[in-house]
C-alpha atoms as a PDB file:
ATOM      1  CA  MET A   1       0.687   7.591   2.991  1.00  0.00           C
ATOM      2  CA  SER A   2      -2.811   8.300   1.698  1.00  0.00           C
ATOM      3  CA  SER A   3      -4.274   5.926  -0.874  1.00  0.00           C
ATOM      4  CA  LYS A   4      -4.513   8.694  -3.503  1.00  0.00           C
ATOM      5  CA  LEU A   5      -0.841   9.546  -3.089  1.00  0.00           C
ATOM      6  CA  PHE A   6       0.071   5.862  -3.167  1.00  0.00           C
ATOM      7  CA  PHE A   7      -1.814   5.242  -6.418  1.00  0.00           C
ATOM      8  CA  PHE A   8      -0.431   8.409  -7.997  1.00  0.00           C
ATOM      9  CA  THR A   9       3.084   7.276  -7.085  1.00  0.00           C
ATOM     10  CA  LEU A  10       2.299   3.786  -8.350  1.00  0.00           C
ATOM     11  CA  LEU A  11       1.051   5.094 -11.687  1.00  0.00           C
ATOM     12  CA  MET A  12       4.131   7.272 -12.090  1.00  0.00           C
ATOM     13  CA  PHE A  13       6.335   4.258 -11.312  1.00  0.00           C
ATOM     14  CA  ILE A  14       4.445   2.019 -13.756  1.00  0.00           C
ATOM     15  CA  GLY A  15       4.572   4.666 -16.461  1.00  0.00           C
ATOM     16  CA  THR A  16       8.307   5.057 -15.984  1.00  0.00           C
ATOM     17  CA  LEU A  17       8.841   1.290 -16.193  1.00  0.00           C
ATOM     18  CA  PHE A  18       6.780   1.109 -19.351  1.00  0.00           C
ATOM     19  CA  VAL A  19       8.634   3.972 -21.036  1.00  0.00           C
ATOM     20  CA  ILE A  20      12.008   2.449 -20.136  1.00  0.00           C
ATOM     21  CA  HIS A  21      10.886  -0.965 -21.330  1.00  0.00           C
ATOM     22  CA  ASN A  22       9.467   0.394 -24.579  1.00  0.00           C
ATOM     23  CA  SER A  23      12.665   2.327 -25.230  1.00  0.00           C
ATOM     24  CA  ALA A  24      14.549  -0.957 -25.207  1.00  0.00           C
ATOM     25  CA  TYR A  25      12.188  -2.252 -27.918  1.00  0.00           C
ATOM     26  CA  GLY A  26      12.498   0.896 -30.027  1.00  0.00           C
ATOM     27  CA  MET A  27       8.914   2.035 -29.426  1.00  0.00           C
ATOM     28  CA  GLN A  28       7.988   5.681 -29.176  1.00  0.00           C
ATOM     29  CA  GLU A  29       6.861   7.025 -25.806  1.00  0.00           C
ATOM     30  CA  ASP A  30       3.656   8.472 -27.202  1.00  0.00           C
ATOM     31  CA  GLN A  31       2.460   5.197 -28.755  1.00  0.00           C
ATOM     32  CA  THR A  32       0.932   3.886 -25.553  1.00  0.00           C
ATOM     33  CA  HIS A  33      -0.435   5.338 -22.366  1.00  0.00           C
ATOM     34  CA  ILE A  34      -0.967   2.881 -19.547  1.00  0.00           C
ATOM     35  CA  SER A  35      -2.782   3.340 -16.310  1.00  0.00           C
ATOM     36  CA  TYR A  36      -4.315   1.310 -13.548  1.00  0.00           C
ATOM     37  CA  ASN A  37      -8.096   1.573 -13.300  1.00  0.00           C
ATOM     38  CA  GLU A  38      -9.105   0.978  -9.675  1.00  0.00           C
ATOM     39  CA  GLU A  39     -12.781   0.507 -10.535  1.00  0.00           C
ATOM     40  CA  LEU A  40     -11.996  -2.214 -13.068  1.00  0.00           C
ATOM     41  CA  GLY A  41      -9.113  -3.566 -11.012  1.00  0.00           C
ATOM     42  CA  ALA A  42      -7.069  -3.781 -14.185  1.00  0.00           C
ATOM     43  CA  PHE A  43      -4.416  -2.072 -16.236  1.00  0.00           C
ATOM     44  CA  VAL A  44      -5.618  -0.236 -19.319  1.00  0.00           C
ATOM     45  CA  GLY A  45      -3.716   0.866 -22.375  1.00  0.00           C
ATOM     46  CA  ILE A  46      -1.262  -2.029 -22.467  1.00  0.00           C
ATOM     47  CA  PRO A  47      -0.954  -3.468 -25.961  1.00  0.00           C
ATOM     48  CA  GLU A  48      -1.521  -7.174 -26.520  1.00  0.00           C
ATOM     49  CA  THR A  49       2.041  -7.655 -27.722  1.00  0.00           C
ATOM     50  CA  GLU A  50       5.180  -9.328 -26.423  1.00  0.00           C
ATOM     51  CA  ALA A  51       6.373  -5.925 -25.181  1.00  0.00           C
ATOM     52  CA  GLY A  52       3.044  -5.427 -23.388  1.00  0.00           C
ATOM     53  CA  VAL A  53       3.317  -8.848 -21.727  1.00  0.00           C
ATOM     54  CA  ASP A  54       6.901  -8.128 -20.683  1.00  0.00           C
ATOM     55  CA  SER A  55       5.857  -4.765 -19.247  1.00  0.00           C
ATOM     56  CA  LEU A  56       3.095  -6.406 -17.202  1.00  0.00           C
ATOM     57  CA  LEU A  57       5.570  -8.987 -15.934  1.00  0.00           C
ATOM     58  CA  ASN A  58       8.003  -6.231 -14.941  1.00  0.00           C
ATOM     59  CA  ILE A  59       5.221  -4.404 -13.101  1.00  0.00           C
ATOM     60  CA  GLY A  60       4.108  -7.607 -11.384  1.00  0.00           C
ATOM     61  CA  THR A  61       7.632  -8.414 -10.289  1.00  0.00           C
ATOM     62  CA  GLU A  62       8.307  -4.893  -9.026  1.00  0.00           C
ATOM     63  CA  MET A  63       5.033  -4.785  -7.096  1.00  0.00           C
ATOM     64  CA  ARG A  64       5.304  -8.298  -5.636  1.00  0.00           C
ATOM     65  CA  GLU A  65       6.441  -7.137  -2.195  1.00  0.00           C
ATOM     66  CA  ARG A  66       4.649  -3.764  -2.286  1.00  0.00           C
ATOM     67  CA  ASN A  67       1.115  -4.559  -3.426  1.00  0.00           C
ATOM     68  CA  SER A  68       0.062  -8.194  -3.829  1.00  0.00           C
ATOM     69  CA  ARG A  69      -3.240  -7.360  -5.521  1.00  0.00           C
ATOM     70  CA  ILE A  70      -1.641  -5.277  -8.263  1.00  0.00           C
ATOM     71  CA  SER A  71       1.160  -7.792  -8.705  1.00  0.00           C
ATOM     72  CA  PHE A  72      -1.361 -10.617  -9.085  1.00  0.00           C
ATOM     73  CA  GLU A  73      -3.486  -8.629 -11.532  1.00  0.00           C
ATOM     74  CA  ALA A  74      -0.419  -7.855 -13.647  1.00  0.00           C
ATOM     75  CA  ALA A  75       0.536 -11.553 -13.658  1.00  0.00           C
ATOM     76  CA  THR A  76      -2.917 -12.756 -14.691  1.00  0.00           C
ATOM     77  CA  MET A  77      -3.276 -10.083 -17.368  1.00  0.00           C
ATOM     78  CA  ALA A  78       0.184 -10.974 -18.718  1.00  0.00           C
ATOM     79  CA  LEU A  79      -0.820 -14.643 -18.784  1.00  0.00           C
ATOM     80  CA  ASN A  80      -4.024 -13.890 -20.701  1.00  0.00           C
ATOM     81  CA  TYR A  81      -2.198 -11.724 -23.252  1.00  0.00           C
ATOM     82  CA  ALA A  82       0.657 -14.206 -23.658  1.00  0.00           C
ATOM     83  CA  ARG A  83      -1.784 -17.079 -24.306  1.00  0.00           C
ATOM     84  CA  LYS A  84      -3.757 -14.965 -26.769  1.00  0.00           C
ATOM     85  CA  ILE A  85      -0.736 -14.010 -28.876  1.00  0.00           C
ATOM     86  CA  GLY A  86       1.141 -17.308 -28.516  1.00  0.00           C
ATOM     87  CA  TYR A  87       4.076 -15.811 -26.634  1.00  0.00           C
ATOM     88  CA  ARG A  88       5.324 -18.939 -24.877  1.00  0.00           C
ATOM     89  CA  GLN A  89       8.218 -17.324 -22.977  1.00  0.00           C
ATOM     90  CA  GLY A  90       5.865 -14.689 -21.574  1.00  0.00           C
ATOM     91  CA  GLU A  91       3.314 -17.369 -20.735  1.00  0.00           C
ATOM     92  CA  ALA A  92       5.910 -19.363 -18.775  1.00  0.00           C
ATOM     93  CA  LYS A  93       7.053 -16.286 -16.859  1.00  0.00           C
ATOM     94  CA  ALA A  94       3.441 -15.283 -16.135  1.00  0.00           C
ATOM     95  CA  TYR A  95       2.622 -18.758 -14.808  1.00  0.00           C
ATOM     96  CA  ASN A  96       5.655 -18.503 -12.523  1.00  0.00           C
ATOM     97  CA  LEU A  97       4.735 -15.044 -11.235  1.00  0.00           C
ATOM     98  CA  ALA A  98       1.089 -16.042 -10.686  1.00  0.00           C
ATOM     99  CA  GLY A  99       2.312 -19.183  -8.889  1.00  0.00           C
ATOM    100  CA  ASN A 100       4.446 -17.010  -6.633  1.00  0.00           C
ATOM    101  CA  LYS A 101       1.439 -14.871  -5.811  1.00  0.00           C
ATOM    102  CA  TYR A 102      -0.753 -17.894  -5.010  1.00  0.00           C
ATOM    103  CA  SER A 103       2.043 -19.130  -2.757  1.00  0.00           C
ATOM    104  CA  ASP A 104       2.201 -15.711  -1.075  1.00  0.00           C
ATOM    105  CA  PHE A 105      -1.569 -15.956  -0.524  1.00  0.00           C
ATOM    106  CA  GLY A 106      -1.117 -19.397   1.096  1.00  0.00           C
ATOM    107  CA  ASP A 107      -2.877 -21.290  -1.722  1.00  0.00           C
ATOM    108  CA  TYR A 108      -0.107 -23.838  -2.243  1.00  0.00           C
ATOM    109  CA  ASN A 109      -2.135 -26.304  -4.333  1.00  0.00           C
ATOM    110  CA  THR A 110      -3.003 -23.656  -6.909  1.00  0.00           C
ATOM    111  CA  ALA A 111       0.578 -22.332  -6.772  1.00  0.00           C
ATOM    112  CA  LEU A 112       1.855 -25.821  -7.598  1.00  0.00           C
ATOM    113  CA  GLU A 113      -0.589 -26.101 -10.513  1.00  0.00           C
ATOM    114  CA  TYR A 114       0.708 -22.821 -11.917  1.00  0.00           C
ATOM    115  CA  TYR A 115       4.351 -23.815 -11.427  1.00  0.00           C
ATOM    116  CA  LEU A 116       3.739 -27.070 -13.296  1.00  0.00           C
ATOM    117  CA  SER A 117       1.823 -25.458 -16.182  1.00  0.00           C
END
């Protein structure tokens, strides 16, 4: 699969997850447009809200086995947002997901630090 097709498919998948997730929170589809910016290596258009953190965590979990880089970026972005807004449940889940990614990368000391945070 070409990288352009992969990223197009990935963006469609992420967009679908976000719309489904936002529907559960009663948000309108047209309130937010998210995408993954390859140049920045980050997601853009995700609100700094509990729903935004949860969406990032869902993306990170879904992509864990498919694309470690994107999964890790979603986890770290979720952690930053959760800390910023004081969303402790999201922060705990983000630490866990980031710890899983560090473990996947073979960095067990850092993984343990994240698990214990």
